[in-house]
PDB file of N, CA and C in Angstrom:
ATOM      1  N   MET A   1     -38.706 -92.829  79.196  1.00  0.00           N
ATOM      2  CA  MET A   1     -38.086 -92.094  78.117  1.00  0.00           C
ATOM      3  C   MET A   1     -37.697 -90.698  78.580  1.00  0.00           C
ATOM      4  N   TYR A   2     -38.568 -90.080  79.381  1.00  0.00           N
ATOM      5  CA  TYR A   2     -38.283 -88.715  79.841  1.00  0.00           C
ATOM      6  C   TYR A   2     -37.037 -88.700  80.719  1.00  0.00           C
ATOM      7  N   THR A   3     -36.870 -89.692  81.607  1.00  0.00           N
ATOM      8  CA  THR A   3     -35.686 -89.770  82.463  1.00  0.00           C
ATOM      9  C   THR A   3     -34.434 -89.947  81.621  1.00  0.00           C
ATOM     10  N   TYR A   4     -34.500 -90.773  80.606  1.00  0.00           N
ATOM     11  CA  TYR A   4     -33.370 -90.984  79.700  1.00  0.00           C
ATOM     12  C   TYR A   4     -32.996 -89.665  79.021  1.00  0.00           C
ATOM     13  N   CYS A   5     -33.969 -88.918  78.611  1.00  0.00           N
ATOM     14  CA  CYS A   5     -33.715 -87.647  77.941  1.00  0.00           C
ATOM     15  C   CYS A   5     -33.049 -86.652  78.885  1.00  0.00           C
ATOM     16  N   ILE A   6     -33.456 -86.628  80.117  1.00  0.00           N
ATOM     17  CA  ILE A   6     -32.853 -85.716  81.092  1.00  0.00           C
ATOM     18  C   ILE A   6     -31.388 -86.095  81.310  1.00  0.00           C
ATOM     19  N   LEU A   7     -31.112 -87.389  81.441  1.00  0.00           N
ATOM     20  CA  LEU A   7     -29.741 -87.844  81.656  1.00  0.00           C
ATOM     21  C   LEU A   7     -28.856 -87.530  80.460  1.00  0.00           C
ATOM     22  N   MET A   8     -29.399 -87.490  79.274  1.00  0.00           N
ATOM     23  CA  MET A   8     -28.620 -87.218  78.076  1.00  0.00           C
ATOM     24  C   MET A   8     -28.514 -85.719  77.793  1.00  0.00           C
ATOM     25  N   GLY A   9     -29.037 -84.868  78.646  1.00  0.00           N
ATOM     26  CA  GLY A   9     -28.930 -83.428  78.466  1.00  0.00           C
ATOM     27  C   GLY A   9     -30.009 -82.827  77.606  1.00  0.00           C
ATOM     28  N   VAL A  10     -31.066 -83.563  77.362  1.00  0.00           N
ATOM     29  CA  VAL A  10     -32.171 -83.066  76.543  1.00  0.00           C
ATOM     30  C   VAL A  10     -33.209 -82.500  77.490  1.00  0.00           C
ATOM     31  N   THR A  11     -33.638 -81.278  77.219  1.00  0.00           N
ATOM     32  CA  THR A  11     -34.563 -80.645  78.157  1.00  0.00           C
ATOM     33  C   THR A  11     -36.029 -80.758  77.744  1.00  0.00           C
ATOM     34  N   HIS A  12     -36.315 -81.083  76.500  1.00  0.00           N
ATOM     35  CA  HIS A  12     -37.710 -81.242  76.087  1.00  0.00           C
ATOM     36  C   HIS A  12     -37.815 -82.175  74.880  1.00  0.00           C
ATOM     37  N   LEU A  13     -39.015 -82.617  74.625  1.00  0.00           N
ATOM     38  CA  LEU A  13     -39.282 -83.526  73.517  1.00  0.00           C
ATOM     39  C   LEU A  13     -40.028 -82.774  72.427  1.00  0.00           C
ATOM     40  N   SER A  14     -39.804 -83.179  71.192  1.00  0.00           N
ATOM     41  CA  SER A  14     -40.554 -82.569  70.089  1.00  0.00           C
ATOM     42  C   SER A  14     -41.971 -83.138  70.088  1.00  0.00           C
ATOM     43  N   HIS A  15     -42.812 -82.691  69.156  1.00  0.00           N
ATOM     44  CA  HIS A  15     -44.205 -83.152  69.095  1.00  0.00           C
ATOM     45  C   HIS A  15     -44.292 -84.649  68.855  1.00  0.00           C
ATOM     46  N   GLY A  16     -43.358 -85.236  68.141  1.00  0.00           N
ATOM     47  CA  GLY A  16     -43.417 -86.661  67.853  1.00  0.00           C
ATOM     48  C   GLY A  16     -42.744 -87.500  68.935  1.00  0.00           C
ATOM     49  N   GLY A  17     -42.284 -86.900  70.032  1.00  0.00           N
ATOM     50  CA  GLY A  17     -41.642 -87.642  71.102  1.00  0.00           C
ATOM     51  C   GLY A  17     -40.143 -87.803  70.912  1.00  0.00           C
ATOM     52  N   THR A  18     -39.588 -87.191  69.866  1.00  0.00           N
ATOM     53  CA  THR A  18     -38.148 -87.271  69.630  1.00  0.00           C
ATOM     54  C   THR A  18     -37.452 -86.211  70.483  1.00  0.00           C
ATOM     55  N   PRO A  19     -36.396 -86.603  71.189  1.00  0.00           N
ATOM     56  CA  PRO A  19     -35.716 -85.627  72.039  1.00  0.00           C
ATOM     57  C   PRO A  19     -35.038 -84.528  71.223  1.00  0.00           C
ATOM     58  N   ILE A  20     -35.097 -83.303  71.715  1.00  0.00           N
ATOM     59  CA  ILE A  20     -34.455 -82.158  71.075  1.00  0.00           C
ATOM     60  C   ILE A  20     -33.581 -81.483  72.125  1.00  0.00           C
ATOM     61  N   ALA A  21     -32.321 -81.223  71.767  1.00  0.00           N
ATOM     62  CA  ALA A  21     -31.414 -80.550  72.690  1.00  0.00           C
ATOM     63  C   ALA A  21     -31.705 -79.062  72.707  1.00  0.00           C
ATOM     64  N   THR A  22     -31.533 -78.464  73.838  1.00  0.00           N
ATOM     65  CA  THR A  22     -31.721 -77.025  73.965  1.00  0.00           C
ATOM     66  C   THR A  22     -30.506 -76.316  73.380  1.00  0.00           C
ATOM     67  N   PRO A  23     -30.710 -75.294  72.552  1.00  0.00           N
ATOM     68  CA  PRO A  23     -29.572 -74.569  71.986  1.00  0.00           C
ATOM     69  C   PRO A  23     -28.745 -73.905  73.084  1.00  0.00           C
ATOM     70  N   ARG A  24     -27.446 -73.872  72.870  1.00  0.00           N
ATOM     71  CA  ARG A  24     -26.562 -73.231  73.848  1.00  0.00           C
ATOM     72  C   ARG A  24     -26.634 -71.727  73.708  1.00  0.00           C
ATOM     73  N   LYS A  25     -26.398 -71.067  74.822  1.00  0.00           N
ATOM     74  CA  LYS A  25     -26.352 -69.616  74.800  1.00  0.00           C
ATOM     75  C   LYS A  25     -25.006 -69.185  74.223  1.00  0.00           C
ATOM     76  N   LYS A  26     -25.015 -68.113  73.470  1.00  0.00           N
ATOM     77  CA  LYS A  26     -23.773 -67.594  72.910  1.00  0.00           C
ATOM     78  C   LYS A  26     -22.969 -66.920  74.014  1.00  0.00           C
ATOM     79  N   ARG A  27     -21.645 -67.088  73.933  1.00  0.00           N
ATOM     80  CA  ARG A  27     -20.771 -66.445  74.916  1.00  0.00           C
ATOM     81  C   ARG A  27     -20.692 -64.951  74.642  1.00  0.00           C
ATOM     82  N   VAL A  28     -20.652 -64.211  75.707  1.00  0.00           N
ATOM     83  CA  VAL A  28     -20.464 -62.781  75.584  1.00  0.00           C
ATOM     84  C   VAL A  28     -18.968 -62.521  75.637  1.00  0.00           C
ATOM     85  N   ASP A  29     -18.435 -61.850  74.633  1.00  0.00           N
ATOM     86  CA  ASP A  29     -17.001 -61.556  74.585  1.00  0.00           C
ATOM     87  C   ASP A  29     -16.702 -60.443  75.569  1.00  0.00           C
ATOM     88  N   THR A  30     -15.941 -60.772  76.604  1.00  0.00           N
ATOM     89  CA  THR A  30     -15.627 -59.775  77.621  1.00  0.00           C
ATOM     90  C   THR A  30     -14.152 -59.438  77.548  1.00  0.00           C
ATOM     91  N   SER A  31     -13.860 -58.197  77.663  1.00  0.00           N
ATOM     92  CA  SER A  31     -12.461 -57.768  77.711  1.00  0.00           C
ATOM     93  C   SER A  31     -12.045 -57.702  79.172  1.00  0.00           C
ATOM     94  N   PRO A  32     -10.715 -57.769  79.456  1.00  0.00           N
ATOM     95  CA  PRO A  32     -10.275 -57.733  80.842  1.00  0.00           C
ATOM     96  C   PRO A  32     -10.668 -56.421  81.503  1.00  0.00           C
ATOM     97  N   SER A  33     -10.898 -56.505  82.792  1.00  0.00           N
ATOM     98  CA  SER A  33     -11.248 -55.298  83.532  1.00  0.00           C
ATOM     99  C   SER A  33     -10.057 -54.348  83.558  1.00  0.00           C
ATOM    100  N   PRO A  34     -10.281 -53.068  83.798  1.00  0.00           N
ATOM    101  CA  PRO A  34      -9.177 -52.099  83.800  1.00  0.00           C
ATOM    102  C   PRO A  34      -8.132 -52.402  84.873  1.00  0.00           C
ATOM    103  N   ASP A  35      -8.505 -53.170  85.892  1.00  0.00           N
ATOM    104  CA  ASP A  35      -7.561 -53.490  86.970  1.00  0.00           C
ATOM    105  C   ASP A  35      -6.528 -54.533  86.540  1.00  0.00           C
ATOM    106  N   VAL A  36      -6.794 -55.264  85.458  1.00  0.00           N
ATOM    107  CA  VAL A  36      -5.907 -56.327  85.002  1.00  0.00           C
ATOM    108  C   VAL A  36      -4.962 -55.772  83.949  1.00  0.00           C
ATOM    109  N   SER A  37      -3.659 -55.948  84.183  1.00  0.00           N
ATOM    110  CA  SER A  37      -2.665 -55.467  83.233  1.00  0.00           C
ATOM    111  C   SER A  37      -2.356 -56.557  82.227  1.00  0.00           C
ATOM    112  N   THR A  38      -2.322 -56.174  80.962  1.00  0.00           N
ATOM    113  CA  THR A  38      -1.950 -57.119  79.908  1.00  0.00           C
ATOM    114  C   THR A  38      -0.636 -56.698  79.273  1.00  0.00           C
ATOM    115  N   GLN A  39       0.115 -55.845  79.929  1.00  0.00           N
ATOM    116  CA  GLN A  39       1.344 -55.287  79.370  1.00  0.00           C
ATOM    117  C   GLN A  39       2.590 -56.092  79.703  1.00  0.00           C
ATOM    118  N   GLY A  40       2.502 -57.193  80.427  1.00  0.00           N
ATOM    119  CA  GLY A  40       3.679 -57.994  80.755  1.00  0.00           C
ATOM    120  C   GLY A  40       3.715 -58.319  82.235  1.00  0.00           C
ATOM    121  N   PRO A  41       4.836 -58.914  82.677  1.00  0.00           N
ATOM    122  CA  PRO A  41       4.931 -59.302  84.083  1.00  0.00           C
ATOM    123  C   PRO A  41       5.011 -58.068  84.982  1.00  0.00           C
ATOM    124  N   PRO A  42       4.571 -58.220  86.216  1.00  0.00           N
ATOM    125  CA  PRO A  42       4.645 -57.096  87.148  1.00  0.00           C
ATOM    126  C   PRO A  42       6.092 -56.663  87.365  1.00  0.00           C
ATOM    127  N   SER A  43       6.283 -55.392  87.660  1.00  0.00           N
ATOM    128  CA  SER A  43       7.640 -54.872  87.842  1.00  0.00           C
ATOM    129  C   SER A  43       8.328 -55.487  89.058  1.00  0.00           C
ATOM    130  N   ALA A  44       7.578 -56.109  89.942  1.00  0.00           N
ATOM    131  CA  ALA A  44       8.184 -56.754  91.110  1.00  0.00           C
ATOM    132  C   ALA A  44       9.135 -57.863  90.691  1.00  0.00           C
ATOM    133  N   TYR A  45       8.902 -58.480  89.528  1.00  0.00           N
ATOM    134  CA  TYR A  45       9.760 -59.549  89.055  1.00  0.00           C
ATOM    135  C   TYR A  45      11.063 -59.035  88.453  1.00  0.00           C
ATOM    136  N   ASP A  46      11.123 -57.759  88.101  1.00  0.00           N
ATOM    137  CA  ASP A  46      12.332 -57.193  87.511  1.00  0.00           C
ATOM    138  C   ASP A  46      13.530 -57.366  88.433  1.00  0.00           C
ATOM    139  N   ASP A  47      13.350 -57.114  89.727  1.00  0.00           N
ATOM    140  CA  ASP A  47      14.443 -57.247  90.684  1.00  0.00           C
ATOM    141  C   ASP A  47      14.921 -58.694  90.777  1.00  0.00           C
ATOM    142  N   VAL A  48      13.992 -59.623  90.716  1.00  0.00           N
ATOM    143  CA  VAL A  48      14.352 -61.040  90.789  1.00  0.00           C
ATOM    144  C   VAL A  48      15.171 -61.430  89.565  1.00  0.00           C
ATOM    145  N   VAL A  49      14.723 -61.017  88.388  1.00  0.00           N
ATOM    146  CA  VAL A  49      15.426 -61.353  87.143  1.00  0.00           C
ATOM    147  C   VAL A  49      16.807 -60.710  87.124  1.00  0.00           C
ATOM    148  N   ILE A  50      16.895 -59.449  87.512  1.00  0.00           N
ATOM    149  CA  ILE A  50      18.186 -58.756  87.546  1.00  0.00           C
ATOM    150  C   ILE A  50      19.135 -59.452  88.514  1.00  0.00           C
ATOM    151  N   GLY A  51      18.616 -59.922  89.634  1.00  0.00           N
ATOM    152  CA  GLY A  51      19.442 -60.639  90.609  1.00  0.00           C
ATOM    153  C   GLY A  51      19.947 -61.977  90.094  1.00  0.00           C
ATOM    154  N   LEU A  52      19.244 -62.559  89.135  1.00  0.00           N
ATOM    155  CA  LEU A  52      19.639 -63.863  88.588  1.00  0.00           C
ATOM    156  C   LEU A  52      20.631 -63.759  87.438  1.00  0.00           C
ATOM    157  N   ILE A  53      20.872 -62.577  86.916  1.00  0.00           N
ATOM    158  CA  ILE A  53      21.734 -62.421  85.741  1.00  0.00           C
ATOM    159  C   ILE A  53      23.133 -63.001  85.964  1.00  0.00           C
ATOM    160  N   PRO A  54      23.825 -62.733  87.076  1.00  0.00           N
ATOM    161  CA  PRO A  54      25.157 -63.336  87.245  1.00  0.00           C
ATOM    162  C   PRO A  54      25.114 -64.870  87.245  1.00  0.00           C
ATOM    163  N   ALA A  55      24.127 -65.447  87.896  1.00  0.00           N
ATOM    164  CA  ALA A  55      24.014 -66.909  87.925  1.00  0.00           C
ATOM    165  C   ALA A  55      23.709 -67.451  86.531  1.00  0.00           C
ATOM    166  N   LEU A  56      22.864 -66.763  85.786  1.00  0.00           N
ATOM    167  CA  LEU A  56      22.546 -67.201  84.430  1.00  0.00           C
ATOM    168  C   LEU A  56      23.766 -67.109  83.516  1.00  0.00           C
ATOM    169  N   GLN A  57      24.572 -66.057  83.687  1.00  0.00           N
ATOM    170  CA  GLN A  57      25.787 -65.939  82.891  1.00  0.00           C
ATOM    171  C   GLN A  57      26.755 -67.077  83.206  1.00  0.00           C
ATOM    172  N   GLU A  58      26.852 -67.435  84.479  1.00  0.00           N
ATOM    173  CA  GLU A  58      27.721 -68.543  84.882  1.00  0.00           C
ATOM    174  C   GLU A  58      27.239 -69.855  84.274  1.00  0.00           C
ATOM    175  N   ILE A  59      25.931 -70.056  84.253  1.00  0.00           N
ATOM    176  CA  ILE A  59      25.369 -71.272  83.663  1.00  0.00           C
ATOM    177  C   ILE A  59      25.665 -71.327  82.168  1.00  0.00           C
ATOM    178  N   VAL A  60      25.575 -70.192  81.485  1.00  0.00           N
ATOM    179  CA  VAL A  60      25.848 -70.157  80.046  1.00  0.00           C
ATOM    180  C   VAL A  60      27.304 -70.505  79.771  1.00  0.00           C
ATOM    181  N   VAL A  61      28.238 -69.966  80.569  1.00  0.00           N
ATOM    182  CA  VAL A  61      29.658 -70.289  80.389  1.00  0.00           C
ATOM    183  C   VAL A  61      29.883 -71.781  80.607  1.00  0.00           C
ATOM    184  N   TRP A  62      29.284 -72.324  81.666  1.00  0.00           N
ATOM    185  CA  TRP A  62      29.422 -73.754  81.945  1.00  0.00           C
ATOM    186  C   TRP A  62      28.847 -74.581  80.788  1.00  0.00           C
ATOM    187  N   TRP A  63      27.676 -74.191  80.305  1.00  0.00           N
ATOM    188  CA  TRP A  63      27.018 -74.945  79.243  1.00  0.00           C
ATOM    189  C   TRP A  63      27.841 -74.927  77.961  1.00  0.00           C
ATOM    190  N   ASP A  64      28.400 -73.760  77.617  1.00  0.00           N
ATOM    191  CA  ASP A  64      29.227 -73.674  76.418  1.00  0.00           C
ATOM    192  C   ASP A  64      30.457 -74.572  76.527  1.00  0.00           C
ATOM    193  N   GLY A  65      31.089 -74.585  77.697  1.00  0.00           N
ATOM    194  CA  GLY A  65      32.237 -75.468  77.913  1.00  0.00           C
ATOM    195  C   GLY A  65      31.848 -76.924  77.821  1.00  0.00           C
ATOM    196  N   ARG A  66      30.692 -77.247  78.349  1.00  0.00           N
ATOM    197  CA  ARG A  66      30.209 -78.628  78.302  1.00  0.00           C
ATOM    198  C   ARG A  66      29.971 -79.059  76.857  1.00  0.00           C
ATOM    199  N   LYS A  67      29.376 -78.179  76.053  1.00  0.00           N
ATOM    200  CA  LYS A  67      29.127 -78.514  74.651  1.00  0.00           C
ATOM    201  C   LYS A  67      30.432 -78.777  73.903  1.00  0.00           C
ATOM    202  N   VAL A  68      31.450 -77.969  74.163  1.00  0.00           N
ATOM    203  CA  VAL A  68      32.748 -78.162  73.503  1.00  0.00           C
ATOM    204  C   VAL A  68      33.333 -79.511  73.892  1.00  0.00           C
ATOM    205  N   THR A  69      33.273 -79.822  75.176  1.00  0.00           N
ATOM    206  CA  THR A  69      33.817 -81.093  75.644  1.00  0.00           C
ATOM    207  C   THR A  69      33.063 -82.272  75.039  1.00  0.00           C
ATOM    208  N   LEU A  70      31.747 -82.172  74.965  1.00  0.00           N
ATOM    209  CA  LEU A  70      30.958 -83.256  74.374  1.00  0.00           C
ATOM    210  C   LEU A  70      31.250 -83.408  72.886  1.00  0.00           C
ATOM    211  N   GLU A  71      31.447 -82.293  72.196  1.00  0.00           N
ATOM    212  CA  GLU A  71      31.781 -82.368  70.772  1.00  0.00           C
ATOM    213  C   GLU A  71      33.133 -83.043  70.572  1.00  0.00           C
ATOM    214  N   GLN A  72      34.080 -82.708  71.442  1.00  0.00           N
ATOM    215  CA  GLN A  72      35.399 -83.324  71.348  1.00  0.00           C
ATOM    216  C   GLN A  72      35.318 -84.819  71.635  1.00  0.00           C
ATOM    217  N   ALA A  73      34.502 -85.183  72.611  1.00  0.00           N
ATOM    218  CA  ALA A  73      34.387 -86.591  72.974  1.00  0.00           C
ATOM    219  C   ALA A  73      33.731 -87.408  71.869  1.00  0.00           C
ATOM    220  N   SER A  74      32.847 -86.779  71.107  1.00  0.00           N
ATOM    221  CA  SER A  74      32.170 -87.520  70.044  1.00  0.00           C
ATOM    222  C   SER A  74      32.933 -87.466  68.726  1.00  0.00           C
ATOM    223  N   ASP A  75      34.052 -86.756  68.698  1.00  0.00           N
ATOM    224  CA  ASP A  75      34.871 -86.654  67.491  1.00  0.00           C
ATOM    225  C   ASP A  75      35.540 -88.004  67.228  1.00  0.00           C
ATOM    226  N   ALA A  76      35.233 -88.606  66.092  1.00  0.00           N
ATOM    227  CA  ALA A  76      35.762 -89.938  65.775  1.00  0.00           C
ATOM    228  C   ALA A  76      37.264 -89.925  65.554  1.00  0.00           C
ATOM    229  N   SER A  77      37.830 -88.765  65.215  1.00  0.00           N
ATOM    230  CA  SER A  77      39.276 -88.702  64.977  1.00  0.00           C
ATOM    231  C   SER A  77      40.072 -88.752  66.275  1.00  0.00           C
ATOM    232  N   ARG A  78      39.399 -88.589  67.389  1.00  0.00           N
ATOM    233  CA  ARG A  78      40.079 -88.640  68.691  1.00  0.00           C
ATOM    234  C   ARG A  78      39.858 -90.016  69.305  1.00  0.00           C
ATOM    235  N   GLN A  79      40.673 -90.938  68.909  1.00  0.00           N
ATOM    236  CA  GLN A  79      40.548 -92.296  69.418  1.00  0.00           C
ATOM    237  C   GLN A  79      41.062 -92.359  70.852  1.00  0.00           C
ATOM    238  N   THR A  80      40.446 -93.210  71.628  1.00  0.00           N
ATOM    239  CA  THR A  80      40.887 -93.414  73.008  1.00  0.00           C
ATOM    240  C   THR A  80      41.492 -94.794  73.151  1.00  0.00           C
ATOM    241  N   GLU A  81      42.260 -94.940  74.212  1.00  0.00           N
ATOM    242  CA  GLU A  81      42.905 -96.213  74.485  1.00  0.00           C
ATOM    243  C   GLU A  81      42.949 -96.398  75.990  1.00  0.00           C
ATOM    244  N   ARG A  82      42.685 -97.595  76.433  1.00  0.00           N
ATOM    245  CA  ARG A  82      42.745 -97.892  77.860  1.00  0.00           C
ATOM    246  C   ARG A  82      44.210 -98.077  78.258  1.00  0.00           C
ATOM    247  N   ILE A  83      44.594 -97.367  79.329  1.00  0.00           N
ATOM    248  CA  ILE A  83      45.960 -97.455  79.837  1.00  0.00           C
ATOM    249  C   ILE A  83      45.901 -97.278  81.350  1.00  0.00           C
ATOM    250  N   THR A  84      46.855 -97.820  82.039  1.00  0.00           N
ATOM    251  CA  THR A  84      46.874 -97.727  83.495  1.00  0.00           C
ATOM    252  C   THR A  84      47.976 -96.776  83.950  1.00  0.00           C
ATOM    253  N   PHE A  85      47.602 -95.821  84.787  1.00  0.00           N
ATOM    254  CA  PHE A  85      48.553 -94.924  85.431  1.00  0.00           C
ATOM    255  C   PHE A  85      48.355 -95.042  86.928  1.00  0.00           C
ATOM    256  N   HIS A  86      49.422 -94.893  87.656  1.00  0.00           N
ATOM    257  CA  HIS A  86      49.319 -94.879  89.108  1.00  0.00           C
ATOM    258  C   HIS A  86      49.299 -93.418  89.555  1.00  0.00           C
ATOM    259  N   VAL A  87      48.189 -93.033  90.172  1.00  0.00           N
ATOM    260  CA  VAL A  87      48.031 -91.656  90.643  1.00  0.00           C
ATOM    261  C   VAL A  87      47.540 -91.684  92.082  1.00  0.00           C
ATOM    262  N   GLU A  88      47.649 -90.550  92.724  1.00  0.00           N
ATOM    263  CA  GLU A  88      47.164 -90.448  94.100  1.00  0.00           C
ATOM    264  C   GLU A  88      45.651 -90.656  94.117  1.00  0.00           C
ATOM    265  N   GLN A  89      45.192 -91.260  95.203  1.00  0.00           N
ATOM    266  CA  GLN A  89      43.758 -91.558  95.309  1.00  0.00           C
ATOM    267  C   GLN A  89      42.911 -90.294  95.283  1.00  0.00           C
ATOM    268  N   ARG A  90      43.463 -89.187  95.766  1.00  0.00           N
ATOM    269  CA  ARG A  90      42.683 -87.946  95.777  1.00  0.00           C
ATOM    270  C   ARG A  90      42.324 -87.505  94.359  1.00  0.00           C
ATOM    271  N   TRP A  91      43.205 -87.812  93.370  1.00  0.00           N
ATOM    272  CA  TRP A  91      42.902 -87.438  91.993  1.00  0.00           C
ATOM    273  C   TRP A  91      41.830 -88.347  91.410  1.00  0.00           C
ATOM    274  N   ILE A  92      41.865 -89.595  91.790  1.00  0.00           N
ATOM    275  CA  ILE A  92      40.825 -90.525  91.325  1.00  0.00           C
ATOM    276  C   ILE A  92      39.464 -90.066  91.836  1.00  0.00           C
ATOM    277  N   GLN A  93      39.420 -89.706  93.129  1.00  0.00           N
ATOM    278  CA  GLN A  93      38.162 -89.220  93.708  1.00  0.00           C
ATOM    279  C   GLN A  93      37.723 -87.899  93.059  1.00  0.00           C
ATOM    280  N   ALA A  94      38.704 -87.046  92.762  1.00  0.00           N
ATOM    281  CA  ALA A  94      38.379 -85.764  92.118  1.00  0.00           C
ATOM    282  C   ALA A  94      37.791 -85.985  90.723  1.00  0.00           C
ATOM    283  N   ILE A  95      38.363 -86.933  89.978  1.00  0.00           N
ATOM    284  CA  ILE A  95      37.848 -87.243  88.633  1.00  0.00           C
ATOM    285  C   ILE A  95      36.421 -87.760  88.731  1.00  0.00           C
ATOM    286  N   ARG A  96      36.175 -88.674  89.631  1.00  0.00           N
ATOM    287  CA  ARG A  96      34.829 -89.238  89.795  1.00  0.00           C
ATOM    288  C   ARG A  96      33.830 -88.160  90.219  1.00  0.00           C
ATOM    289  N   ARG A  97      34.231 -87.332  91.176  1.00  0.00           N
ATOM    290  CA  ARG A  97      33.352 -86.271  91.665  1.00  0.00           C
ATOM    291  C   ARG A  97      33.006 -85.285  90.544  1.00  0.00           C
ATOM    292  N   GLN A  98      34.026 -84.859  89.796  1.00  0.00           N
ATOM    293  CA  GLN A  98      33.792 -83.899  88.721  1.00  0.00           C
ATOM    294  C   GLN A  98      32.928 -84.486  87.614  1.00  0.00           C
ATOM    295  N   ALA A  99      33.147 -85.744  87.302  1.00  0.00           N
ATOM    296  CA  ALA A  99      32.325 -86.406  86.280  1.00  0.00           C
ATOM    297  C   ALA A  99      30.863 -86.456  86.723  1.00  0.00           C
ATOM    298  N   ASP A 100      30.634 -86.757  87.988  1.00  0.00           N
ATOM    299  CA  ASP A 100      29.265 -86.791  88.507  1.00  0.00           C
ATOM    300  C   ASP A 100      28.634 -85.400  88.492  1.00  0.00           C
ATOM    301  N   LEU A 101      29.393 -84.384  88.893  1.00  0.00           N
ATOM    302  CA  LEU A 101      28.862 -83.016  88.939  1.00  0.00           C
ATOM    303  C   LEU A 101      28.528 -82.491  87.549  1.00  0.00           C
ATOM    304  N   ASP A 102      29.407 -82.759  86.583  1.00  0.00           N
ATOM    305  CA  ASP A 102      29.230 -82.208  85.243  1.00  0.00           C
ATOM    306  C   ASP A 102      28.435 -83.112  84.313  1.00  0.00           C
ATOM    307  N   GLY A 103      28.234 -84.358  84.705  1.00  0.00           N
ATOM    308  CA  GLY A 103      27.529 -85.292  83.837  1.00  0.00           C
ATOM    309  C   GLY A 103      28.396 -85.781  82.689  1.00  0.00           C
ATOM    310  N   PHE A 104      29.720 -85.784  82.879  1.00  0.00           N
ATOM    311  CA  PHE A 104      30.655 -86.232  81.849  1.00  0.00           C
ATOM    312  C   PHE A 104      31.159 -87.628  82.192  1.00  0.00           C
ATOM    313  N   THR A 105      31.824 -88.235  81.232  1.00  0.00           N
ATOM    314  CA  THR A 105      32.472 -89.516  81.482  1.00  0.00           C
ATOM    315  C   THR A 105      33.836 -89.256  82.118  1.00  0.00           C
ATOM    316  N   TYR A 106      34.418 -90.292  82.714  1.00  0.00           N
ATOM    317  CA  TYR A 106      35.768 -90.172  83.285  1.00  0.00           C
ATOM    318  C   TYR A 106      36.756 -89.799  82.176  1.00  0.00           C
ATOM    319  N   THR A 107      36.570 -90.376  81.006  1.00  0.00           N
ATOM    320  CA  THR A 107      37.464 -90.095  79.883  1.00  0.00           C
ATOM    321  C   THR A 107      37.438 -88.612  79.540  1.00  0.00           C
ATOM    322  N   GLN A 108      36.266 -88.027  79.508  1.00  0.00           N
ATOM    323  CA  GLN A 108      36.160 -86.606  79.193  1.00  0.00           C
ATOM    324  C   GLN A 108      36.861 -85.745  80.242  1.00  0.00           C
ATOM    325  N   ILE A 109      36.711 -86.098  81.499  1.00  0.00           N
ATOM    326  CA  ILE A 109      37.346 -85.318  82.570  1.00  0.00           C
ATOM    327  C   ILE A 109      38.857 -85.438  82.487  1.00  0.00           C
ATOM    328  N   VAL A 110      39.369 -86.653  82.307  1.00  0.00           N
ATOM    329  CA  VAL A 110      40.815 -86.865  82.235  1.00  0.00           C
ATOM    330  C   VAL A 110      41.392 -86.179  80.996  1.00  0.00           C
ATOM    331  N   ASN A 111      40.717 -86.302  79.859  1.00  0.00           N
ATOM    332  CA  ASN A 111      41.200 -85.642  78.645  1.00  0.00           C
ATOM    333  C   ASN A 111      41.242 -84.127  78.810  1.00  0.00           C
ATOM    334  N   GLU A 112      40.236 -83.557  79.458  1.00  0.00           N
ATOM    335  CA  GLU A 112      40.218 -82.108  79.681  1.00  0.00           C
ATOM    336  C   GLU A 112      41.359 -81.695  80.613  1.00  0.00           C
ATOM    337  N   ALA A 113      41.618 -82.486  81.639  1.00  0.00           N
ATOM    338  CA  ALA A 113      42.731 -82.179  82.554  1.00  0.00           C
ATOM    339  C   ALA A 113      44.073 -82.237  81.819  1.00  0.00           C
ATOM    340  N   PHE A 114      44.259 -83.264  81.000  1.00  0.00           N
ATOM    341  CA  PHE A 114      45.497 -83.365  80.207  1.00  0.00           C
ATOM    342  C   PHE A 114      45.610 -82.193  79.222  1.00  0.00           C
ATOM    343  N   ARG A 115      44.502 -81.862  78.584  1.00  0.00           N
ATOM    344  CA  ARG A 115      44.524 -80.752  77.624  1.00  0.00           C
ATOM    345  C   ARG A 115      44.955 -79.455  78.305  1.00  0.00           C
ATOM    346  N   GLN A 116      44.361 -79.191  79.469  1.00  0.00           N
ATOM    347  CA  GLN A 116      44.716 -77.964  80.185  1.00  0.00           C
ATOM    348  C   GLN A 116      46.171 -77.973  80.626  1.00  0.00           C
ATOM    349  N   TYR A 117      46.659 -79.128  81.022  1.00  0.00           N
ATOM    350  CA  TYR A 117      48.053 -79.223  81.481  1.00  0.00           C
ATOM    351  C   TYR A 117      49.028 -79.037  80.309  1.00  0.00           C
ATOM    352  N   PHE A 118      48.793 -79.765  79.240  1.00  0.00           N
ATOM    353  CA  PHE A 118      49.764 -79.750  78.133  1.00  0.00           C
ATOM    354  C   PHE A 118      49.624 -78.549  77.211  1.00  0.00           C
ATOM    355  N   GLU A 119      48.419 -78.004  77.109  1.00  0.00           N
ATOM    356  CA  GLU A 119      48.229 -76.837  76.264  1.00  0.00           C
ATOM    357  C   GLU A 119      48.336 -75.541  77.055  1.00  0.00           C
ATOM    358  N   GLY A 120      48.455 -75.671  78.375  1.00  0.00           N
ATOM    359  CA  GLY A 120      48.631 -74.499  79.234  1.00  0.00           C
ATOM    360  C   GLY A 120      47.433 -73.586  79.332  1.00  0.00           C
ATOM    361  N   LEU A 121      46.225 -74.132  79.260  1.00  0.00           N
ATOM    362  CA  LEU A 121      45.020 -73.306  79.351  1.00  0.00           C
ATOM    363  C   LEU A 121      44.553 -73.186  80.754  1.00  0.00           C
TER     364      LEU A 121
END
């Protein structure tokens, strides 16, 4: 019985042989040492963040354009139709490459190219 009690985390038995758990010690609330700053990230990261601002701005512009294209593609009023055009192979490869890079469908890439051509954007 004593071995069982030790394995179960009981350190002593009561007078009747019933196991009693030892009370836990209360935690002492400690505040951070004066060497630890709680005011935010170290200033060393400021240079890294400032250096990333142009790249982040570029990502935001790309993301906004992507959202517009996806909204247009999901617009039910813009029906699509399958049609065959003969184009240079380099344009076919360009469409496939751009679709893979942007995560768009071929239809979205072709529609955007036509839009830019015909609307002059």
